[in-house]
PDB file of N, CA and C in Angstrom:
ATOM      1  N   UNK A   1     100.181 103.056 107.341  1.00  0.00           N
ATOM      2  CA  UNK A   1     100.131 103.827 106.150  1.00  0.00           C
ATOM      3  C   UNK A   1     100.132 102.938 104.923  1.00  0.00           C
ATOM      4  N   UNK A   2     100.361 103.567 103.824  1.00  0.00           N
ATOM      5  CA  UNK A   2     100.327 102.932 102.511  1.00  0.00           C
ATOM      6  C   UNK A   2     101.551 103.373 101.725  1.00  0.00           C
ATOM      7  N   UNK A   3     102.267 102.416 101.135  1.00  0.00           N
ATOM      8  CA  UNK A   3     103.367 102.749 100.234  1.00  0.00           C
ATOM      9  C   UNK A   3     103.113 102.088  98.894  1.00  0.00           C
ATOM     10  N   UNK A   4     103.437 102.807  97.814  1.00  0.00           N
ATOM     11  CA  UNK A   4     103.235 102.298  96.455  1.00  0.00           C
ATOM     12  C   UNK A   4     104.516 102.489  95.663  1.00  0.00           C
ATOM     13  N   UNK A   5     104.994 101.408  95.055  1.00  0.00           N
ATOM     14  CA  UNK A   5     106.100 101.481  94.101  1.00  0.00           C
ATOM     15  C   UNK A   5     105.539 101.102  92.737  1.00  0.00           C
ATOM     16  N   UNK A   6     105.825 101.901  91.729  1.00  0.00           N
ATOM     17  CA  UNK A   6     105.282 101.683  90.383  1.00  0.00           C
ATOM     18  C   UNK A   6     106.426 101.428  89.411  1.00  0.00           C
ATOM     19  N   UNK A   7     106.276 100.362  88.627  1.00  0.00           N
ATOM     20  CA  UNK A   7     107.246  99.989  87.603  1.00  0.00           C
ATOM     21  C   UNK A   7     106.532 100.037  86.257  1.00  0.00           C
ATOM     22  N   UNK A   8     106.953 100.965  85.393  1.00  0.00           N
ATOM     23  CA  UNK A   8     106.283 101.146  84.107  1.00  0.00           C
ATOM     24  C   UNK A   8     107.100 100.546  82.972  1.00  0.00           C
ATOM     25  N   UNK A   9     106.391 100.004  81.998  1.00  0.00           N
ATOM     26  CA  UNK A   9     106.999  99.509  80.776  1.00  0.00           C
ATOM     27  C   UNK A   9     105.999  99.739  79.652  1.00  0.00           C
ATOM     28  N   UNK A  10     106.403  99.662  78.377  1.00  0.00           N
ATOM     29  CA  UNK A  10     105.513 100.014  77.272  1.00  0.00           C
ATOM     30  C   UNK A  10     104.158  99.297  77.342  1.00  0.00           C
ATOM     31  N   UNK A  11     103.089 100.091  77.436  1.00  0.00           N
ATOM     32  CA  UNK A  11     101.742  99.561  77.393  1.00  0.00           C
ATOM     33  C   UNK A  11     101.179  99.056  78.705  1.00  0.00           C
ATOM     34  N   UNK A  12     101.959  99.113  79.805  1.00  0.00           N
ATOM     35  CA  UNK A  12     101.452  98.571  81.053  1.00  0.00           C
ATOM     36  C   UNK A  12     102.294  99.057  82.228  1.00  0.00           C
ATOM     37  N   UNK A  13     101.930  98.609  83.421  1.00  0.00           N
ATOM     38  CA  UNK A  13     102.722  98.918  84.610  1.00  0.00           C
ATOM     39  C   UNK A  13     102.426  97.874  85.682  1.00  0.00           C
ATOM     40  N   UNK A  14     103.329  97.792  86.633  1.00  0.00           N
ATOM     41  CA  UNK A  14     103.163  96.924  87.799  1.00  0.00           C
ATOM     42  C   UNK A  14     103.326  97.814  89.020  1.00  0.00           C
ATOM     43  N   UNK A  15     102.418  97.665  89.985  1.00  0.00           N
ATOM     44  CA  UNK A  15     102.513  98.412  91.235  1.00  0.00           C
ATOM     45  C   UNK A  15     102.687  97.429  92.381  1.00  0.00           C
ATOM     46  N   UNK A  16     103.559  97.775  93.310  1.00  0.00           N
ATOM     47  CA  UNK A  16     103.750  96.998  94.527  1.00  0.00           C
ATOM     48  C   UNK A  16     103.256  97.883  95.671  1.00  0.00           C
ATOM     49  N   UNK A  17     102.200  97.418  96.351  1.00  0.00           N
ATOM     50  CA  UNK A  17     101.555  98.207  97.395  1.00  0.00           C
ATOM     51  C   UNK A  17     101.705  97.488  98.729  1.00  0.00           C
ATOM     52  N   UNK A  18     102.093  98.234  99.752  1.00  0.00           N
ATOM     53  CA  UNK A  18     102.202  97.706 101.109  1.00  0.00           C
ATOM     54  C   UNK A  18     101.279  98.516 102.007  1.00  0.00           C
ATOM     55  N   UNK A  19     100.449  97.810 102.799  1.00  0.00           N
ATOM     56  CA  UNK A  19      99.527  98.464 103.724  1.00  0.00           C
ATOM     57  C   UNK A  19      99.832  98.012 105.136  1.00  0.00           C
ATOM     58  N   UNK A  20      99.877  98.964 106.068  1.00  0.00           N
ATOM     59  CA  UNK A  20     100.041  98.634 107.474  1.00  0.00           C
ATOM     60  C   UNK A  20      98.747  98.073 108.040  1.00  0.00           C
ATOM     61  N   UNK A  21      98.874  97.221 109.068  1.00  0.00           N
ATOM     62  CA  UNK A  21      97.705  96.677 109.749  1.00  0.00           C
ATOM     63  C   UNK A  21      96.820  97.823 110.229  1.00  0.00           C
ATOM     64  N   UNK A  22      95.523  97.689 109.987  1.00  0.00           N
ATOM     65  CA  UNK A  22      94.570  98.700 110.404  1.00  0.00           C
ATOM     66  C   UNK A  22      94.340  99.800 109.393  1.00  0.00           C
ATOM     67  N   UNK A  23      95.105  99.813 108.276  1.00  0.00           N
ATOM     68  CA  UNK A  23      94.948 100.859 107.270  1.00  0.00           C
ATOM     69  C   UNK A  23      93.782 100.520 106.353  1.00  0.00           C
ATOM     70  N   UNK A  24      93.030 101.521 105.961  1.00  0.00           N
ATOM     71  CA  UNK A  24      91.889 101.350 105.067  1.00  0.00           C
ATOM     72  C   UNK A  24      91.967 102.415 103.978  1.00  0.00           C
ATOM     73  N   UNK A  25      91.863 102.003 102.712  1.00  0.00           N
ATOM     74  CA  UNK A  25      91.878 102.989 101.639  1.00  0.00           C
ATOM     75  C   UNK A  25      90.497 103.624 101.501  1.00  0.00           C
ATOM     76  N   UNK A  26      90.469 104.838 100.998  1.00  0.00           N
ATOM     77  CA  UNK A  26      89.206 105.514 100.720  1.00  0.00           C
ATOM     78  C   UNK A  26      88.582 104.888  99.472  1.00  0.00           C
ATOM     79  N   UNK A  27      87.247 104.821  99.402  1.00  0.00           N
ATOM     80  CA  UNK A  27      86.610 104.303  98.188  1.00  0.00           C
ATOM     81  C   UNK A  27      87.014 105.137  96.979  1.00  0.00           C
ATOM     82  N   UNK A  28      87.303 104.449  95.885  1.00  0.00           N
ATOM     83  CA  UNK A  28      87.660 105.121  94.640  1.00  0.00           C
ATOM     84  C   UNK A  28      87.350 104.210  93.474  1.00  0.00           C
ATOM     85  N   UNK A  29      87.482 104.724  92.270  1.00  0.00           N
ATOM     86  CA  UNK A  29      87.306 103.912  91.068  1.00  0.00           C
ATOM     87  C   UNK A  29      88.462 104.217  90.132  1.00  0.00           C
ATOM     88  N   UNK A  30      88.721 103.302  89.224  1.00  0.00           N
ATOM     89  CA  UNK A  30      89.839 103.458  88.297  1.00  0.00           C
ATOM     90  C   UNK A  30      89.325 103.540  86.860  1.00  0.00           C
ATOM     91  N   UNK A  31      90.160 104.080  85.971  1.00  0.00           N
ATOM     92  CA  UNK A  31      89.806 104.193  84.563  1.00  0.00           C
ATOM     93  C   UNK A  31      90.056 102.896  83.802  1.00  0.00           C
ATOM     94  N   UNK A  32      90.885 102.022  84.366  1.00  0.00           N
ATOM     95  CA  UNK A  32      91.197 100.746  83.720  1.00  0.00           C
ATOM     96  C   UNK A  32      91.064  99.606  84.729  1.00  0.00           C
ATOM     97  N   UNK A  33      90.832  98.407  84.231  1.00  0.00           N
ATOM     98  CA  UNK A  33      90.820  97.226  85.092  1.00  0.00           C
ATOM     99  C   UNK A  33      92.226  96.983  85.632  1.00  0.00           C
ATOM    100  N   UNK A  34      92.301  96.404  86.826  1.00  0.00           N
ATOM    101  CA  UNK A  34      93.581  95.995  87.403  1.00  0.00           C
ATOM    102  C   UNK A  34      93.457  94.560  87.889  1.00  0.00           C
ATOM    103  N   UNK A  35      94.462  93.755  87.587  1.00  0.00           N
ATOM    104  CA  UNK A  35      94.547  92.403  88.112  1.00  0.00           C
ATOM    105  C   UNK A  35      95.561  92.443  89.238  1.00  0.00           C
ATOM    106  N   UNK A  36      95.147  92.007  90.432  1.00  0.00           N
ATOM    107  CA  UNK A  36      95.972  92.151  91.622  1.00  0.00           C
ATOM    108  C   UNK A  36      96.273  90.782  92.200  1.00  0.00           C
ATOM    109  N   UNK A  37      97.552  90.541  92.488  1.00  0.00           N
ATOM    110  CA  UNK A  37      97.966  89.330  93.197  1.00  0.00           C
ATOM    111  C   UNK A  37      98.263  89.730  94.630  1.00  0.00           C
ATOM    112  N   UNK A  38      97.615  89.070  95.567  1.00  0.00           N
ATOM    113  CA  UNK A  38      97.751  89.379  96.988  1.00  0.00           C
ATOM    114  C   UNK A  38      98.956  88.618  97.535  1.00  0.00           C
ATOM    115  N   UNK A  39      99.889  89.351  98.161  1.00  0.00           N
ATOM    116  CA  UNK A  39     101.098  88.726  98.710  1.00  0.00           C
ATOM    117  C   UNK A  39     101.118  88.737 100.231  1.00  0.00           C
ATOM    118  N   UNK A  40     100.047  89.206 100.838  1.00  0.00           N
ATOM    119  CA  UNK A  40      99.899  89.203 102.295  1.00  0.00           C
ATOM    120  C   UNK A  40      98.429  89.213 102.633  1.00  0.00           C
ATOM    121  N   UNK A  41      98.111  88.844 103.805  1.00  0.00           N
ATOM    122  CA  UNK A  41      96.705  88.836 104.163  1.00  0.00           C
ATOM    123  C   UNK A  41      96.500  87.981 105.395  1.00  0.00           C
ATOM    124  N   UNK A  42      95.302  87.735 105.757  1.00  0.00           N
ATOM    125  CA  UNK A  42      94.091  88.111 105.028  1.00  0.00           C
ATOM    126  C   UNK A  42      93.764  89.595 105.165  1.00  0.00           C
ATOM    127  N   UNK A  43      92.989  90.085 104.196  1.00  0.00           N
ATOM    128  CA  UNK A  43      92.464  91.444 104.224  1.00  0.00           C
ATOM    129  C   UNK A  43      91.135  91.451 103.484  1.00  0.00           C
ATOM    130  N   UNK A  44      90.418  92.564 103.577  1.00  0.00           N
ATOM    131  CA  UNK A  44      89.122  92.676 102.905  1.00  0.00           C
ATOM    132  C   UNK A  44      89.247  93.561 101.678  1.00  0.00           C
ATOM    133  N   UNK A  45      88.593  93.133 100.596  1.00  0.00           N
ATOM    134  CA  UNK A  45      88.464  93.919  99.376  1.00  0.00           C
ATOM    135  C   UNK A  45      86.980  94.150  99.174  1.00  0.00           C
ATOM    136  N   UNK A  46      86.590  95.414  99.074  1.00  0.00           N
ATOM    137  CA  UNK A  46      85.189  95.759  98.874  1.00  0.00           C
ATOM    138  C   UNK A  46      85.037  96.392  97.492  1.00  0.00           C
ATOM    139  N   UNK A  47      84.061  95.896  96.729  1.00  0.00           N
ATOM    140  CA  UNK A  47      83.843  96.433  95.386  1.00  0.00           C
ATOM    141  C   UNK A  47      82.364  96.349  95.043  1.00  0.00           C
ATOM    142  N   UNK A  48      81.800  97.492  94.657  1.00  0.00           N
ATOM    143  CA  UNK A  48      80.432  97.555  94.168  1.00  0.00           C
ATOM    144  C   UNK A  48      79.436  96.928  95.166  1.00  0.00           C
ATOM    145  N   UNK A  49      79.653  97.160  96.475  1.00  0.00           N
ATOM    146  CA  UNK A  49      78.751  96.666  97.491  1.00  0.00           C
ATOM    147  C   UNK A  49      79.000  95.238  97.944  1.00  0.00           C
ATOM    148  N   UNK A  50      80.006  94.575  97.377  1.00  0.00           N
ATOM    149  CA  UNK A  50      80.351  93.223  97.788  1.00  0.00           C
ATOM    150  C   UNK A  50      81.661  93.245  98.564  1.00  0.00           C
ATOM    151  N   UNK A  51      81.787  92.332  99.541  1.00  0.00           N
ATOM    152  CA  UNK A  51      82.990  92.238 100.355  1.00  0.00           C
ATOM    153  C   UNK A  51      83.618  90.865 100.158  1.00  0.00           C
ATOM    154  N   UNK A  52      84.940  90.845  99.961  1.00  0.00           N
ATOM    155  CA  UNK A  52      85.681  89.607  99.753  1.00  0.00           C
ATOM    156  C   UNK A  52      86.844  89.554 100.733  1.00  0.00           C
ATOM    157  N   UNK A  53      87.079  88.416 101.356  1.00  0.00           N
ATOM    158  CA  UNK A  53      88.281  88.215 102.160  1.00  0.00           C
ATOM    159  C   UNK A  53      89.310  87.582 101.235  1.00  0.00           C
ATOM    160  N   UNK A  54      90.483  88.221 101.127  1.00  0.00           N
ATOM    161  CA  UNK A  54      91.540  87.708 100.251  1.00  0.00           C
ATOM    162  C   UNK A  54      92.755  87.336 101.091  1.00  0.00           C
ATOM    163  N   UNK A  55      93.467  86.326 100.624  1.00  0.00           N
ATOM    164  CA  UNK A  55      94.623  85.790 101.326  1.00  0.00           C
ATOM    165  C   UNK A  55      95.829  85.745 100.403  1.00  0.00           C
ATOM    166  N   UNK A  56      96.988  85.498 100.973  1.00  0.00           N
ATOM    167  CA  UNK A  56      98.216  85.365 100.206  1.00  0.00           C
ATOM    168  C   UNK A  56      98.018  84.375  99.065  1.00  0.00           C
ATOM    169  N   UNK A  57      98.404  84.781  97.848  1.00  0.00           N
ATOM    170  CA  UNK A  57      98.294  83.927  96.668  1.00  0.00           C
ATOM    171  C   UNK A  57      97.021  84.125  95.876  1.00  0.00           C
ATOM    172  N   UNK A  58      96.020  84.824  96.436  1.00  0.00           N
ATOM    173  CA  UNK A  58      94.777  85.081  95.710  1.00  0.00           C
ATOM    174  C   UNK A  58      94.990  86.149  94.641  1.00  0.00           C
ATOM    175  N   UNK A  59      94.140  86.119  93.637  1.00  0.00           N
ATOM    176  CA  UNK A  59      94.072  87.171  92.625  1.00  0.00           C
ATOM    177  C   UNK A  59      92.701  87.816  92.725  1.00  0.00           C
ATOM    178  N   UNK A  60      92.644  89.126  92.510  1.00  0.00           N
ATOM    179  CA  UNK A  60      91.378  89.850  92.535  1.00  0.00           C
ATOM    180  C   UNK A  60      91.414  90.863  91.394  1.00  0.00           C
ATOM    181  N   UNK A  61      90.249  91.161  90.836  1.00  0.00           N
ATOM    182  CA  UNK A  61      90.152  92.127  89.738  1.00  0.00           C
ATOM    183  C   UNK A  61      89.437  93.377  90.215  1.00  0.00           C
ATOM    184  N   UNK A  62      90.125  94.511  90.125  1.00  0.00           N
ATOM    185  CA  UNK A  62      89.482  95.804  90.324  1.00  0.00           C
ATOM    186  C   UNK A  62      88.907  96.193  88.971  1.00  0.00           C
ATOM    187  N   UNK A  63      87.581  96.326  88.903  1.00  0.00           N
ATOM    188  CA  UNK A  63      86.903  96.597  87.641  1.00  0.00           C
ATOM    189  C   UNK A  63      86.812  98.104  87.407  1.00  0.00           C
ATOM    190  N   UNK A  64      87.212  98.531  86.220  1.00  0.00           N
ATOM    191  CA  UNK A  64      87.166  99.949  85.858  1.00  0.00           C
ATOM    192  C   UNK A  64      85.769 100.519  86.091  1.00  0.00           C
ATOM    193  N   UNK A  65      85.713 101.675  86.757  1.00  0.00           N
ATOM    194  CA  UNK A  65      84.456 102.372  86.972  1.00  0.00           C
ATOM    195  C   UNK A  65      83.678 101.952  88.202  1.00  0.00           C
ATOM    196  N   UNK A  66      84.014 100.820  88.817  1.00  0.00           N
ATOM    197  CA  UNK A  66      83.317 100.386  90.026  1.00  0.00           C
ATOM    198  C   UNK A  66      84.034 100.918  91.262  1.00  0.00           C
ATOM    199  N   UNK A  67      83.256 101.357  92.249  1.00  0.00           N
ATOM    200  CA  UNK A  67      83.848 101.828  93.492  1.00  0.00           C
ATOM    201  C   UNK A  67      84.436 100.642  94.252  1.00  0.00           C
ATOM    202  N   UNK A  68      85.647 100.833  94.779  1.00  0.00           N
ATOM    203  CA  UNK A  68      86.301  99.775  95.543  1.00  0.00           C
ATOM    204  C   UNK A  68      87.203 100.384  96.611  1.00  0.00           C
ATOM    205  N   UNK A  69      87.509  99.569  97.612  1.00  0.00           N
ATOM    206  CA  UNK A  69      88.520  99.949  98.590  1.00  0.00           C
ATOM    207  C   UNK A  69      89.041  98.703  99.295  1.00  0.00           C
ATOM    208  N   UNK A  70      90.171  98.875  99.990  1.00  0.00           N
ATOM    209  CA  UNK A  70      90.865  97.797 100.697  1.00  0.00           C
ATOM    210  C   UNK A  70      90.864  98.111 102.186  1.00  0.00           C
ATOM    211  N   UNK A  71      90.725  97.059 102.998  1.00  0.00           N
ATOM    212  CA  UNK A  71      90.698  97.208 104.451  1.00  0.00           C
ATOM    213  C   UNK A  71      91.627  96.166 105.055  1.00  0.00           C
ATOM    214  N   UNK A  72      92.766  96.601 105.581  1.00  0.00           N
ATOM    215  CA  UNK A  72      93.786  95.700 106.132  1.00  0.00           C
ATOM    216  C   UNK A  72      93.501  95.535 107.617  1.00  0.00           C
ATOM    217  N   UNK A  73      92.455  94.792 107.934  1.00  0.00           N
ATOM    218  CA  UNK A  73      92.029  94.661 109.325  1.00  0.00           C
ATOM    219  C   UNK A  73      92.598  93.429 110.018  1.00  0.00           C
ATOM    220  N   UNK A  74      93.031  92.445 109.244  1.00  0.00           N
ATOM    221  CA  UNK A  74      93.445  91.174 109.815  1.00  0.00           C
ATOM    222  C   UNK A  74      94.931  91.071 110.072  1.00  0.00           C
ATOM    223  N   UNK A  75      95.713  91.951 109.502  1.00  0.00           N
ATOM    224  CA  UNK A  75      97.172  91.829 109.582  1.00  0.00           C
ATOM    225  C   UNK A  75      97.687  91.058 108.393  1.00  0.00           C
ATOM    226  N   UNK A  76      98.920  91.303 108.015  1.00  0.00           N
ATOM    227  CA  UNK A  76      99.444  90.580 106.882  1.00  0.00           C
ATOM    228  C   UNK A  76     100.582  91.193 106.219  1.00  0.00           C
TER     229      UNK A  76
END
């Protein structure tokens, strides 16, 4: 499954997301850009028809308006 903890402060927020091995998010898009630091992996990040393998310590940008999803196929 997927768990999300959200910490809000004036003008911004931080989310901590945990995905179980084998979990895949549905494609979606966001209204704002998100900068994501990966704390486990490897896993796949798909955005706008491109696929990226991300690992612990990597940063990735979810671009506002672009379709994206996460695929936790490798464990992490």
